């Protein structure tokens, strides 16, 4: 939440990521937030 995006920009990025990565926003966001919360600890998803 370091910046807010206009709905046009936000939806373009969502659509493009759907086309090119199959990445679900909620999954990526959740995993990254957990990485920061548990960084370098046993629960860190990818340390």
ModelCIF file with pLDDT and N, C-alpha, C, O atoms, coordinates in Angstrom:
data_MODEL
#
_entry.id   MODEL 
#
_entity.id                         1 
_entity.type                       polymer 
_entity.pdbx_number_of_molecules   1 
#
_entity_poly.entity_id                      1 
_entity_poly.type                           'polypeptide(L)' 
_entity_poly.nstd_linkage                   no 
_entity_poly.nstd_monomer                   no 
_entity_poly.pdbx_seq_one_letter_code       
;(UNK)(UNK)(UNK)(UNK)(UNK)(UNK)(UNK)(UNK)(UNK)(UNK)(UNK)(UNK)(UNK)(UNK)(UNK)(UNK)
(UNK)(UNK)(UNK)(UNK)(UNK)(UNK)(UNK)(UNK)(UNK)(UNK)(UNK)(UNK)(UNK)(UNK)(UNK)(UNK)
(UNK)(UNK)(UNK)(UNK)(UNK)(UNK)(UNK)(UNK)(UNK)(UNK)(UNK)(UNK)(UNK)(UNK)(UNK)
;
_entity_poly.pdbx_seq_one_letter_code_can   XXXXXXXXXXXXXXXXXXXXXXXXXXXXXXXXXXXXXXXXXXXXXXX 
_entity_poly.pdbx_strand_id                 A 
#
loop_
_entity_poly_seq.entity_id 
_entity_poly_seq.num 
_entity_poly_seq.mon_id 
_entity_poly_seq.hetero 
1 1  UNK n 
1 2  UNK n 
1 3  UNK n 
1 4  UNK n 
1 5  UNK n 
1 6  UNK n 
1 7  UNK n 
1 8  UNK n 
1 9  UNK n 
1 10 UNK n 
1 11 UNK n 
1 12 UNK n 
1 13 UNK n 
1 14 UNK n 
1 15 UNK n 
1 16 UNK n 
1 17 UNK n 
1 18 UNK n 
1 19 UNK n 
1 20 UNK n 
1 21 UNK n 
1 22 UNK n 
1 23 UNK n 
1 24 UNK n 
1 25 UNK n 
1 26 UNK n 
1 27 UNK n 
1 28 UNK n 
1 29 UNK n 
1 30 UNK n 
1 31 UNK n 
1 32 UNK n 
1 33 UNK n 
1 34 UNK n 
1 35 UNK n 
1 36 UNK n 
1 37 UNK n 
1 38 UNK n 
1 39 UNK n 
1 40 UNK n 
1 41 UNK n 
1 42 UNK n 
1 43 UNK n 
1 44 UNK n 
1 45 UNK n 
1 46 UNK n 
1 47 UNK n 
#
_struct_asym.id          A 
_struct_asym.entity_id   1 
#
loop_
_ma_qa_metric.id 
_ma_qa_metric.mode 
_ma_qa_metric.name 
_ma_qa_metric.software_group_id 
_ma_qa_metric.type 
1 global pLDDT . pLDDT 
2 local  pLDDT . pLDDT 
#
_ma_qa_metric_global.metric_id      1 
_ma_qa_metric_global.metric_value   96.36 
_ma_qa_metric_global.model_id       1 
_ma_qa_metric_global.ordinal_id     1 
#
loop_
_ma_qa_metric_local.label_asym_id 
_ma_qa_metric_local.label_comp_id 
_ma_qa_metric_local.label_seq_id 
_ma_qa_metric_local.metric_id 
_ma_qa_metric_local.metric_value 
_ma_qa_metric_local.model_id 
_ma_qa_metric_local.ordinal_id 
A UNK 1  2 98.00 1 1  
A UNK 2  2 98.00 1 2  
A UNK 3  2 98.00 1 3  
A UNK 4  2 98.00 1 4  
A UNK 5  2 98.00 1 5  
A UNK 6  2 98.00 1 6  
A UNK 7  2 97.00 1 7  
A UNK 8  2 97.00 1 8  
A UNK 9  2 98.00 1 9  
A UNK 10 2 97.00 1 10 
A UNK 11 2 97.00 1 11 
A UNK 12 2 98.00 1 12 
A UNK 13 2 98.00 1 13 
A UNK 14 2 97.00 1 14 
A UNK 15 2 97.00 1 15 
A UNK 16 2 98.00 1 16 
A UNK 17 2 97.00 1 17 
A UNK 18 2 97.00 1 18 
A UNK 19 2 96.00 1 19 
A UNK 20 2 96.00 1 20 
A UNK 21 2 95.00 1 21 
A UNK 22 2 93.00 1 22 
A UNK 23 2 93.00 1 23 
A UNK 24 2 96.00 1 24 
A UNK 25 2 97.00 1 25 
A UNK 26 2 97.00 1 26 
A UNK 27 2 97.00 1 27 
A UNK 28 2 97.00 1 28 
A UNK 29 2 97.00 1 29 
A UNK 30 2 97.00 1 30 
A UNK 31 2 97.00 1 31 
A UNK 32 2 97.00 1 32 
A UNK 33 2 97.00 1 33 
A UNK 34 2 97.00 1 34 
A UNK 35 2 96.00 1 35 
A UNK 36 2 97.00 1 36 
A UNK 37 2 96.00 1 37 
A UNK 38 2 96.00 1 38 
A UNK 39 2 95.00 1 39 
A UNK 40 2 94.00 1 40 
A UNK 41 2 94.00 1 41 
A UNK 42 2 94.00 1 42 
A UNK 43 2 95.00 1 43 
A UNK 44 2 95.00 1 44 
A UNK 45 2 95.00 1 45 
A UNK 46 2 93.00 1 46 
A UNK 47 2 94.00 1 47 
#
loop_
_atom_site.group_PDB 
_atom_site.id 
_atom_site.type_symbol 
_atom_site.label_atom_id 
_atom_site.label_alt_id 
_atom_site.label_comp_id 
_atom_site.label_asym_id 
_atom_site.label_entity_id 
_atom_site.label_seq_id 
_atom_site.pdbx_PDB_ins_code 
_atom_site.Cartn_x 
_atom_site.Cartn_y 
_atom_site.Cartn_z 
_atom_site.occupancy 
_atom_site.B_iso_or_equiv 
_atom_site.pdbx_formal_charge 
_atom_site.auth_seq_id 
_atom_site.auth_comp_id 
_atom_site.auth_asym_id 
_atom_site.auth_atom_id 
_atom_site.pdbx_PDB_model_num 
ATOM 1   N N  . UNK A 1 1  ? 0.823  -1.216  0.000   1.00 98.00 ? 1  UNK A N  1 
ATOM 2   C CA . UNK A 1 1  ? 0.000  0.000   0.000   1.00 98.00 ? 1  UNK A CA 1 
ATOM 3   C C  . UNK A 1 1  ? 0.855  1.265   0.000   1.00 98.00 ? 1  UNK A C  1 
ATOM 4   O O  . UNK A 1 1  ? 0.492  2.265   0.619   1.00 98.00 ? 1  UNK A O  1 
ATOM 5   N N  . UNK A 1 2  ? 1.983  1.219   -0.689  1.00 98.00 ? 2  UNK A N  1 
ATOM 6   C CA . UNK A 1 2  ? 2.867  2.383   -0.763  1.00 98.00 ? 2  UNK A CA 1 
ATOM 7   C C  . UNK A 1 2  ? 2.338  3.421   -1.740  1.00 98.00 ? 2  UNK A C  1 
ATOM 8   O O  . UNK A 1 2  ? 2.743  4.582   -1.690  1.00 98.00 ? 2  UNK A O  1 
ATOM 9   N N  . UNK A 1 3  ? 1.440  3.015   -2.624  1.00 98.00 ? 3  UNK A N  1 
ATOM 10  C CA . UNK A 1 3  ? 0.811  3.933   -3.564  1.00 98.00 ? 3  UNK A CA 1 
ATOM 11  C C  . UNK A 1 3  ? -0.585 3.435   -3.899  1.00 98.00 ? 3  UNK A C  1 
ATOM 12  O O  . UNK A 1 3  ? -0.873 2.241   -3.808  1.00 98.00 ? 3  UNK A O  1 
ATOM 13  N N  . UNK A 1 4  ? -1.437 4.356   -4.283  1.00 98.00 ? 4  UNK A N  1 
ATOM 14  C CA . UNK A 1 4  ? -2.760 4.014   -4.786  1.00 98.00 ? 4  UNK A CA 1 
ATOM 15  C C  . UNK A 1 4  ? -2.731 4.084   -6.303  1.00 98.00 ? 4  UNK A C  1 
ATOM 16  O O  . UNK A 1 4  ? -2.079 4.955   -6.880  1.00 98.00 ? 4  UNK A O  1 
ATOM 17  N N  . UNK A 1 5  ? -3.441 3.161   -6.951  1.00 98.00 ? 5  UNK A N  1 
ATOM 18  C CA . UNK A 1 5  ? -3.511 3.146   -8.403  1.00 98.00 ? 5  UNK A CA 1 
ATOM 19  C C  . UNK A 1 5  ? -4.925 3.467   -8.866  1.00 98.00 ? 5  UNK A C  1 
ATOM 20  O O  . UNK A 1 5  ? -5.900 3.030   -8.254  1.00 98.00 ? 5  UNK A O  1 
ATOM 21  N N  . UNK A 1 6  ? -5.031 4.225   -9.939  1.00 98.00 ? 6  UNK A N  1 
ATOM 22  C CA . UNK A 1 6  ? -6.323 4.474   -10.575 1.00 98.00 ? 6  UNK A CA 1 
ATOM 23  C C  . UNK A 1 6  ? -6.887 3.130   -11.051 1.00 98.00 ? 6  UNK A C  1 
ATOM 24  O O  . UNK A 1 6  ? -6.123 2.255   -11.459 1.00 98.00 ? 6  UNK A O  1 
ATOM 25  N N  . UNK A 1 7  ? -8.217 2.954   -11.004 1.00 97.00 ? 7  UNK A N  1 
ATOM 26  C CA . UNK A 1 7  ? -8.801 1.674   -11.440 1.00 97.00 ? 7  UNK A CA 1 
ATOM 27  C C  . UNK A 1 7  ? -8.364 1.240   -12.836 1.00 97.00 ? 7  UNK A C  1 
ATOM 28  O O  . UNK A 1 7  ? -8.229 0.043   -13.090 1.00 97.00 ? 7  UNK A O  1 
ATOM 29  N N  . UNK A 1 8  ? -8.141 2.190   -13.745 1.00 97.00 ? 8  UNK A N  1 
ATOM 30  C CA . UNK A 1 8  ? -7.696 1.826   -15.094 1.00 97.00 ? 8  UNK A CA 1 
ATOM 31  C C  . UNK A 1 8  ? -6.326 1.155   -15.038 1.00 97.00 ? 8  UNK A C  1 
ATOM 32  O O  . UNK A 1 8  ? -6.124 0.091   -15.623 1.00 97.00 ? 8  UNK A O  1 
ATOM 33  N N  . UNK A 1 9  ? -5.383 1.786   -14.328 1.00 98.00 ? 9  UNK A N  1 
ATOM 34  C CA . UNK A 1 9  ? -4.036 1.217   -14.213 1.00 98.00 ? 9  UNK A CA 1 
ATOM 35  C C  . UNK A 1 9  ? -4.070 -0.097  -13.451 1.00 98.00 ? 9  UNK A C  1 
ATOM 36  O O  . UNK A 1 9  ? -3.439 -1.072  -13.859 1.00 98.00 ? 9  UNK A O  1 
ATOM 37  N N  . UNK A 1 10 ? -4.803 -0.127  -12.345 1.00 97.00 ? 10 UNK A N  1 
ATOM 38  C CA . UNK A 1 10 ? -4.882 -1.330  -11.527 1.00 97.00 ? 10 UNK A CA 1 
ATOM 39  C C  . UNK A 1 10 ? -5.417 -2.506  -12.323 1.00 97.00 ? 10 UNK A C  1 
ATOM 40  O O  . UNK A 1 10 ? -4.873 -3.608  -12.244 1.00 97.00 ? 10 UNK A O  1 
ATOM 41  N N  . UNK A 1 11 ? -6.491 -2.283  -13.099 1.00 97.00 ? 11 UNK A N  1 
ATOM 42  C CA . UNK A 1 11 ? -7.065 -3.401  -13.830 1.00 97.00 ? 11 UNK A CA 1 
ATOM 43  C C  . UNK A 1 11 ? -6.201 -3.814  -15.009 1.00 97.00 ? 11 UNK A C  1 
ATOM 44  O O  . UNK A 1 11 ? -6.171 -4.992  -15.366 1.00 97.00 ? 11 UNK A O  1 
ATOM 45  N N  . UNK A 1 12 ? -5.497 -2.867  -15.624 1.00 98.00 ? 12 UNK A N  1 
ATOM 46  C CA . UNK A 1 12 ? -4.568 -3.260  -16.681 1.00 98.00 ? 12 UNK A CA 1 
ATOM 47  C C  . UNK A 1 12 ? -3.523 -4.222  -16.143 1.00 98.00 ? 12 UNK A C  1 
ATOM 48  O O  . UNK A 1 12 ? -3.244 -5.253  -16.755 1.00 98.00 ? 12 UNK A O  1 
ATOM 49  N N  . UNK A 1 13 ? -2.936 -3.879  -14.978 1.00 98.00 ? 13 UNK A N  1 
ATOM 50  C CA . UNK A 1 13 ? -1.910 -4.735  -14.398 1.00 98.00 ? 13 UNK A CA 1 
ATOM 51  C C  . UNK A 1 13 ? -2.485 -6.104  -14.040 1.00 98.00 ? 13 UNK A C  1 
ATOM 52  O O  . UNK A 1 13 ? -1.834 -7.121  -14.274 1.00 98.00 ? 13 UNK A O  1 
ATOM 53  N N  . UNK A 1 14 ? -3.679 -6.146  -13.482 1.00 97.00 ? 14 UNK A N  1 
ATOM 54  C CA . UNK A 1 14 ? -4.313 -7.428  -13.137 1.00 97.00 ? 14 UNK A CA 1 
ATOM 55  C C  . UNK A 1 14 ? -4.513 -8.274  -14.385 1.00 97.00 ? 14 UNK A C  1 
ATOM 56  O O  . UNK A 1 14 ? -4.209 -9.466  -14.395 1.00 97.00 ? 14 UNK A O  1 
ATOM 57  N N  . UNK A 1 15 ? -5.024 -7.648  -15.433 1.00 97.00 ? 15 UNK A N  1 
ATOM 58  C CA . UNK A 1 15 ? -5.275 -8.369  -16.681 1.00 97.00 ? 15 UNK A CA 1 
ATOM 59  C C  . UNK A 1 15 ? -3.971 -8.882  -17.281 1.00 97.00 ? 15 UNK A C  1 
ATOM 60  O O  . UNK A 1 15 ? -3.890 -10.024 -17.733 1.00 97.00 ? 15 UNK A O  1 
ATOM 61  N N  . UNK A 1 16 ? -2.949 -8.021  -17.281 1.00 98.00 ? 16 UNK A N  1 
ATOM 62  C CA . UNK A 1 16 ? -1.679 -8.426  -17.881 1.00 98.00 ? 16 UNK A CA 1 
ATOM 63  C C  . UNK A 1 16 ? -1.052 -9.591  -17.103 1.00 98.00 ? 16 UNK A C  1 
ATOM 64  O O  . UNK A 1 16 ? -0.524 -10.524 -17.709 1.00 98.00 ? 16 UNK A O  1 
ATOM 65  N N  . UNK A 1 17 ? -1.106 -9.543  -15.798 1.00 97.00 ? 17 UNK A N  1 
ATOM 66  C CA . UNK A 1 17 ? -0.548 -10.626 -14.990 1.00 97.00 ? 17 UNK A CA 1 
ATOM 67  C C  . UNK A 1 17 ? -1.349 -11.910 -15.166 1.00 97.00 ? 17 UNK A C  1 
ATOM 68  O O  . UNK A 1 17 ? -0.786 -13.003 -15.117 1.00 97.00 ? 17 UNK A O  1 
ATOM 69  N N  . UNK A 1 18 ? -2.664 -11.786 -15.370 1.00 97.00 ? 18 UNK A N  1 
ATOM 70  C CA . UNK A 1 18 ? -3.486 -12.963 -15.660 1.00 97.00 ? 18 UNK A CA 1 
ATOM 71  C C  . UNK A 1 18 ? -3.044 -13.602 -16.973 1.00 97.00 ? 18 UNK A C  1 
ATOM 72  O O  . UNK A 1 18 ? -2.997 -14.827 -17.087 1.00 97.00 ? 18 UNK A O  1 
ATOM 73  N N  . UNK A 1 19 ? -2.722 -12.773 -17.958 1.00 96.00 ? 19 UNK A N  1 
ATOM 74  C CA . UNK A 1 19 ? -2.285 -13.279 -19.260 1.00 96.00 ? 19 UNK A CA 1 
ATOM 75  C C  . UNK A 1 19 ? -0.893 -13.903 -19.211 1.00 96.00 ? 19 UNK A C  1 
ATOM 76  O O  . UNK A 1 19 ? -0.640 -14.900 -19.887 1.00 96.00 ? 19 UNK A O  1 
ATOM 77  N N  . UNK A 1 20 ? -0.005 -13.339 -18.434 1.00 96.00 ? 20 UNK A N  1 
ATOM 78  C CA . UNK A 1 20 ? 1.413  -13.691 -18.552 1.00 96.00 ? 20 UNK A CA 1 
ATOM 79  C C  . UNK A 1 20 ? 1.993  -14.481 -17.381 1.00 96.00 ? 20 UNK A C  1 
ATOM 80  O O  . UNK A 1 20 ? 3.104  -15.001 -17.483 1.00 96.00 ? 20 UNK A O  1 
ATOM 81  N N  . UNK A 1 21 ? 1.258  -14.580 -16.267 1.00 95.00 ? 21 UNK A N  1 
ATOM 82  C CA . UNK A 1 21 ? 1.824  -15.295 -15.110 1.00 95.00 ? 21 UNK A CA 1 
ATOM 83  C C  . UNK A 1 21 ? 0.853  -16.249 -14.422 1.00 95.00 ? 21 UNK A C  1 
ATOM 84  O O  . UNK A 1 21 ? 1.284  -17.115 -13.661 1.00 95.00 ? 21 UNK A O  1 
ATOM 85  N N  . UNK A 1 22 ? -0.446 -16.109 -14.672 1.00 93.00 ? 22 UNK A N  1 
ATOM 86  C CA . UNK A 1 22 ? -1.474 -16.875 -13.950 1.00 93.00 ? 22 UNK A CA 1 
ATOM 87  C C  . UNK A 1 22 ? -1.445 -16.582 -12.455 1.00 93.00 ? 22 UNK A C  1 
ATOM 88  O O  . UNK A 1 22 ? -1.909 -17.382 -11.644 1.00 93.00 ? 22 UNK A O  1 
ATOM 89  N N  . UNK A 1 23 ? -0.892 -15.421 -12.103 1.00 93.00 ? 23 UNK A N  1 
ATOM 90  C CA . UNK A 1 23 ? -0.753 -15.076 -10.695 1.00 93.00 ? 23 UNK A CA 1 
ATOM 91  C C  . UNK A 1 23 ? -2.038 -14.465 -10.148 1.00 93.00 ? 23 UNK A C  1 
ATOM 92  O O  . UNK A 1 23 ? -2.601 -13.543 -10.738 1.00 93.00 ? 23 UNK A O  1 
ATOM 93  N N  . UNK A 1 24 ? -2.493 -14.990 -9.014  1.00 96.00 ? 24 UNK A N  1 
ATOM 94  C CA . UNK A 1 24 ? -3.665 -14.464 -8.324  1.00 96.00 ? 24 UNK A CA 1 
ATOM 95  C C  . UNK A 1 24 ? -3.194 -13.411 -7.320  1.00 96.00 ? 24 UNK A C  1 
ATOM 96  O O  . UNK A 1 24 ? -2.309 -13.677 -6.507  1.00 96.00 ? 24 UNK A O  1 
ATOM 97  N N  . UNK A 1 25 ? -3.784 -12.223 -7.379  1.00 97.00 ? 25 UNK A N  1 
ATOM 98  C CA . UNK A 1 25 ? -3.347 -11.106 -6.537  1.00 97.00 ? 25 UNK A CA 1 
ATOM 99  C C  . UNK A 1 25 ? -3.349 -11.464 -5.057  1.00 97.00 ? 25 UNK A C  1 
ATOM 100 O O  . UNK A 1 25 ? -2.392 -11.164 -4.344  1.00 97.00 ? 25 UNK A O  1 
ATOM 101 N N  . UNK A 1 26 ? -4.414 -12.100 -4.593  1.00 97.00 ? 26 UNK A N  1 
ATOM 102 C CA . UNK A 1 26 ? -4.522 -12.413 -3.170  1.00 97.00 ? 26 UNK A CA 1 
ATOM 103 C C  . UNK A 1 26 ? -3.418 -13.366 -2.731  1.00 97.00 ? 26 UNK A C  1 
ATOM 104 O O  . UNK A 1 26 ? -2.867 -13.218 -1.640  1.00 97.00 ? 26 UNK A O  1 
ATOM 105 N N  . UNK A 1 27 ? -3.093 -14.335 -3.566  1.00 97.00 ? 27 UNK A N  1 
ATOM 106 C CA . UNK A 1 27 ? -2.051 -15.301 -3.211  1.00 97.00 ? 27 UNK A CA 1 
ATOM 107 C C  . UNK A 1 27 ? -0.690 -14.610 -3.117  1.00 97.00 ? 27 UNK A C  1 
ATOM 108 O O  . UNK A 1 27 ? 0.029  -14.769 -2.131  1.00 97.00 ? 27 UNK A O  1 
ATOM 109 N N  . UNK A 1 28 ? -0.344 -13.838 -4.157  1.00 97.00 ? 28 UNK A N  1 
ATOM 110 C CA . UNK A 1 28 ? 0.967  -13.185 -4.162  1.00 97.00 ? 28 UNK A CA 1 
ATOM 111 C C  . UNK A 1 28 ? 1.098  -12.227 -2.987  1.00 97.00 ? 28 UNK A C  1 
ATOM 112 O O  . UNK A 1 28 ? 2.112  -12.216 -2.289  1.00 97.00 ? 28 UNK A O  1 
ATOM 113 N N  . UNK A 1 29 ? 0.061  -11.424 -2.775  1.00 97.00 ? 29 UNK A N  1 
ATOM 114 C CA . UNK A 1 29 ? 0.078  -10.439 -1.702  1.00 97.00 ? 29 UNK A CA 1 
ATOM 115 C C  . UNK A 1 29 ? 0.210  -11.106 -0.339  1.00 97.00 ? 29 UNK A C  1 
ATOM 116 O O  . UNK A 1 29 ? 0.997  -10.667 0.500   1.00 97.00 ? 29 UNK A O  1 
ATOM 117 N N  . UNK A 1 30 ? -0.551 -12.153 -0.122  1.00 97.00 ? 30 UNK A N  1 
ATOM 118 C CA . UNK A 1 30 ? -0.520 -12.857 1.163   1.00 97.00 ? 30 UNK A CA 1 
ATOM 119 C C  . UNK A 1 30 ? 0.849  -13.447 1.446   1.00 97.00 ? 30 UNK A C  1 
ATOM 120 O O  . UNK A 1 30 ? 1.381  -13.307 2.548   1.00 97.00 ? 30 UNK A O  1 
ATOM 121 N N  . UNK A 1 31 ? 1.410  -14.101 0.458   1.00 97.00 ? 31 UNK A N  1 
ATOM 122 C CA . UNK A 1 31 ? 2.708  -14.756 0.637   1.00 97.00 ? 31 UNK A CA 1 
ATOM 123 C C  . UNK A 1 31 ? 3.798  -13.726 0.890   1.00 97.00 ? 31 UNK A C  1 
ATOM 124 O O  . UNK A 1 31 ? 4.683  -13.939 1.720   1.00 97.00 ? 31 UNK A O  1 
ATOM 125 N N  . UNK A 1 32 ? 3.731  -12.607 0.172   1.00 97.00 ? 32 UNK A N  1 
ATOM 126 C CA . UNK A 1 32 ? 4.765  -11.590 0.368   1.00 97.00 ? 32 UNK A CA 1 
ATOM 127 C C  . UNK A 1 32 ? 4.638  -10.920 1.734   1.00 97.00 ? 32 UNK A C  1 
ATOM 128 O O  . UNK A 1 32 ? 5.644  -10.655 2.392   1.00 97.00 ? 32 UNK A O  1 
ATOM 129 N N  . UNK A 1 33 ? 3.418  -10.649 2.157   1.00 97.00 ? 33 UNK A N  1 
ATOM 130 C CA . UNK A 1 33 ? 3.237  -10.056 3.489   1.00 97.00 ? 33 UNK A CA 1 
ATOM 131 C C  . UNK A 1 33 ? 3.716  -11.015 4.579   1.00 97.00 ? 33 UNK A C  1 
ATOM 132 O O  . UNK A 1 33 ? 4.292  -10.585 5.579   1.00 97.00 ? 33 UNK A O  1 
ATOM 133 N N  . UNK A 1 34 ? 3.483  -12.283 4.390   1.00 97.00 ? 34 UNK A N  1 
ATOM 134 C CA . UNK A 1 34 ? 3.950  -13.261 5.376   1.00 97.00 ? 34 UNK A CA 1 
ATOM 135 C C  . UNK A 1 34 ? 5.478  -13.299 5.389   1.00 97.00 ? 34 UNK A C  1 
ATOM 136 O O  . UNK A 1 34 ? 6.093  -13.445 6.445   1.00 97.00 ? 34 UNK A O  1 
ATOM 137 N N  . UNK A 1 35 ? 6.076  -13.169 4.220   1.00 96.00 ? 35 UNK A N  1 
ATOM 138 C CA . UNK A 1 35 ? 7.544  -13.136 4.138   1.00 96.00 ? 35 UNK A CA 1 
ATOM 139 C C  . UNK A 1 35 ? 8.102  -12.009 4.993   1.00 96.00 ? 35 UNK A C  1 
ATOM 140 O O  . UNK A 1 35 ? 9.092  -12.202 5.698   1.00 96.00 ? 35 UNK A O  1 
ATOM 141 N N  . UNK A 1 36 ? 7.484  -10.841 4.942   1.00 97.00 ? 36 UNK A N  1 
ATOM 142 C CA . UNK A 1 36 ? 7.957  -9.718  5.752   1.00 97.00 ? 36 UNK A CA 1 
ATOM 143 C C  . UNK A 1 36 ? 7.683  -9.952  7.238   1.00 97.00 ? 36 UNK A C  1 
ATOM 144 O O  . UNK A 1 36 ? 8.508  -9.616  8.087   1.00 97.00 ? 36 UNK A O  1 
ATOM 145 N N  . UNK A 1 37 ? 6.540  -10.520 7.541   1.00 96.00 ? 37 UNK A N  1 
ATOM 146 C CA . UNK A 1 37 ? 6.176  -10.747 8.948   1.00 96.00 ? 37 UNK A CA 1 
ATOM 147 C C  . UNK A 1 37 ? 7.043  -11.820 9.594   1.00 96.00 ? 37 UNK A C  1 
ATOM 148 O O  . UNK A 1 37 ? 7.307  -11.763 10.795  1.00 96.00 ? 37 UNK A O  1 
ATOM 149 N N  . UNK A 1 38 ? 7.487  -12.795 8.811   1.00 96.00 ? 38 UNK A N  1 
ATOM 150 C CA . UNK A 1 38 ? 8.245  -13.935 9.346   1.00 96.00 ? 38 UNK A CA 1 
ATOM 151 C C  . UNK A 1 38 ? 9.630  -14.040 8.709   1.00 96.00 ? 38 UNK A C  1 
ATOM 152 O O  . UNK A 1 38 ? 10.169 -15.141 8.589   1.00 96.00 ? 38 UNK A O  1 
ATOM 153 N N  . UNK A 1 39 ? 10.204 -12.927 8.306   1.00 95.00 ? 39 UNK A N  1 
ATOM 154 C CA . UNK A 1 39 ? 11.428 -12.948 7.509   1.00 95.00 ? 39 UNK A CA 1 
ATOM 155 C C  . UNK A 1 39 ? 12.575 -13.677 8.201   1.00 95.00 ? 39 UNK A C  1 
ATOM 156 O O  . UNK A 1 39 ? 12.892 -13.401 9.358   1.00 95.00 ? 39 UNK A O  1 
ATOM 157 N N  . UNK A 1 40 ? 13.184 -14.598 7.490   1.00 94.00 ? 40 UNK A N  1 
ATOM 158 C CA . UNK A 1 40 ? 14.310 -15.427 7.942   1.00 94.00 ? 40 UNK A CA 1 
ATOM 159 C C  . UNK A 1 40 ? 13.947 -16.326 9.124   1.00 94.00 ? 40 UNK A C  1 
ATOM 160 O O  . UNK A 1 40 ? 14.836 -16.855 9.792   1.00 94.00 ? 40 UNK A O  1 
ATOM 161 N N  . UNK A 1 41 ? 12.663 -16.504 9.385   1.00 94.00 ? 41 UNK A N  1 
ATOM 162 C CA . UNK A 1 41 ? 12.222 -17.425 10.416  1.00 94.00 ? 41 UNK A CA 1 
ATOM 163 C C  . UNK A 1 41 ? 11.692 -18.699 9.764   1.00 94.00 ? 41 UNK A C  1 
ATOM 164 O O  . UNK A 1 41 ? 11.556 -18.775 8.543   1.00 94.00 ? 41 UNK A O  1 
ATOM 165 N N  . UNK A 1 42 ? 11.399 -19.688 10.587  1.00 94.00 ? 42 UNK A N  1 
ATOM 166 C CA . UNK A 1 42 ? 10.965 -20.985 10.055  1.00 94.00 ? 42 UNK A CA 1 
ATOM 167 C C  . UNK A 1 42 ? 9.710  -20.865 9.197   1.00 94.00 ? 42 UNK A C  1 
ATOM 168 O O  . UNK A 1 42 ? 9.517  -21.659 8.277   1.00 94.00 ? 42 UNK A O  1 
ATOM 169 N N  . UNK A 1 43 ? 8.849  -19.880 9.484   1.00 95.00 ? 43 UNK A N  1 
ATOM 170 C CA . UNK A 1 43 ? 7.604  -19.729 8.733   1.00 95.00 ? 43 UNK A CA 1 
ATOM 171 C C  . UNK A 1 43 ? 7.754  -18.868 7.477   1.00 95.00 ? 43 UNK A C  1 
ATOM 172 O O  . UNK A 1 43 ? 6.790  -18.701 6.729   1.00 95.00 ? 43 UNK A O  1 
ATOM 173 N N  . UNK A 1 44 ? 8.933  -18.327 7.239   1.00 95.00 ? 44 UNK A N  1 
ATOM 174 C CA . UNK A 1 44 ? 9.160  -17.542 6.023   1.00 95.00 ? 44 UNK A CA 1 
ATOM 175 C C  . UNK A 1 44 ? 8.949  -18.447 4.812   1.00 95.00 ? 44 UNK A C  1 
ATOM 176 O O  . UNK A 1 44 ? 9.605  -19.483 4.709   1.00 95.00 ? 44 UNK A O  1 
ATOM 177 N N  . UNK A 1 45 ? 8.052  -18.085 3.890   1.00 95.00 ? 45 UNK A N  1 
ATOM 178 C CA . UNK A 1 45 ? 7.756  -18.977 2.757   1.00 95.00 ? 45 UNK A CA 1 
ATOM 179 C C  . UNK A 1 45 ? 8.919  -19.252 1.834   1.00 95.00 ? 45 UNK A C  1 
ATOM 180 O O  . UNK A 1 45 ? 8.942  -20.285 1.166   1.00 95.00 ? 45 UNK A O  1 
ATOM 181 N N  . UNK A 1 46 ? 9.909  -18.334 1.778   1.00 93.00 ? 46 UNK A N  1 
ATOM 182 C CA . UNK A 1 46 ? 10.976 -18.541 0.795   1.00 93.00 ? 46 UNK A CA 1 
ATOM 183 C C  . UNK A 1 46 ? 12.326 -17.959 1.209   1.00 93.00 ? 46 UNK A C  1 
ATOM 184 O O  . UNK A 1 46 ? 13.049 -17.432 0.363   1.00 93.00 ? 46 UNK A O  1 
ATOM 185 N N  . UNK A 1 47 ? 12.675 -18.041 2.471   1.00 94.00 ? 47 UNK A N  1 
ATOM 186 C CA . UNK A 1 47 ? 13.987 -17.560 2.888   1.00 94.00 ? 47 UNK A CA 1 
ATOM 187 C C  . UNK A 1 47 ? 15.078 -18.549 2.497   1.00 94.00 ? 47 UNK A C  1 
ATOM 188 O O  . UNK A 1 47 ? 16.254 -18.311 2.769   1.00 94.00 ? 47 UNK A O  1 
#
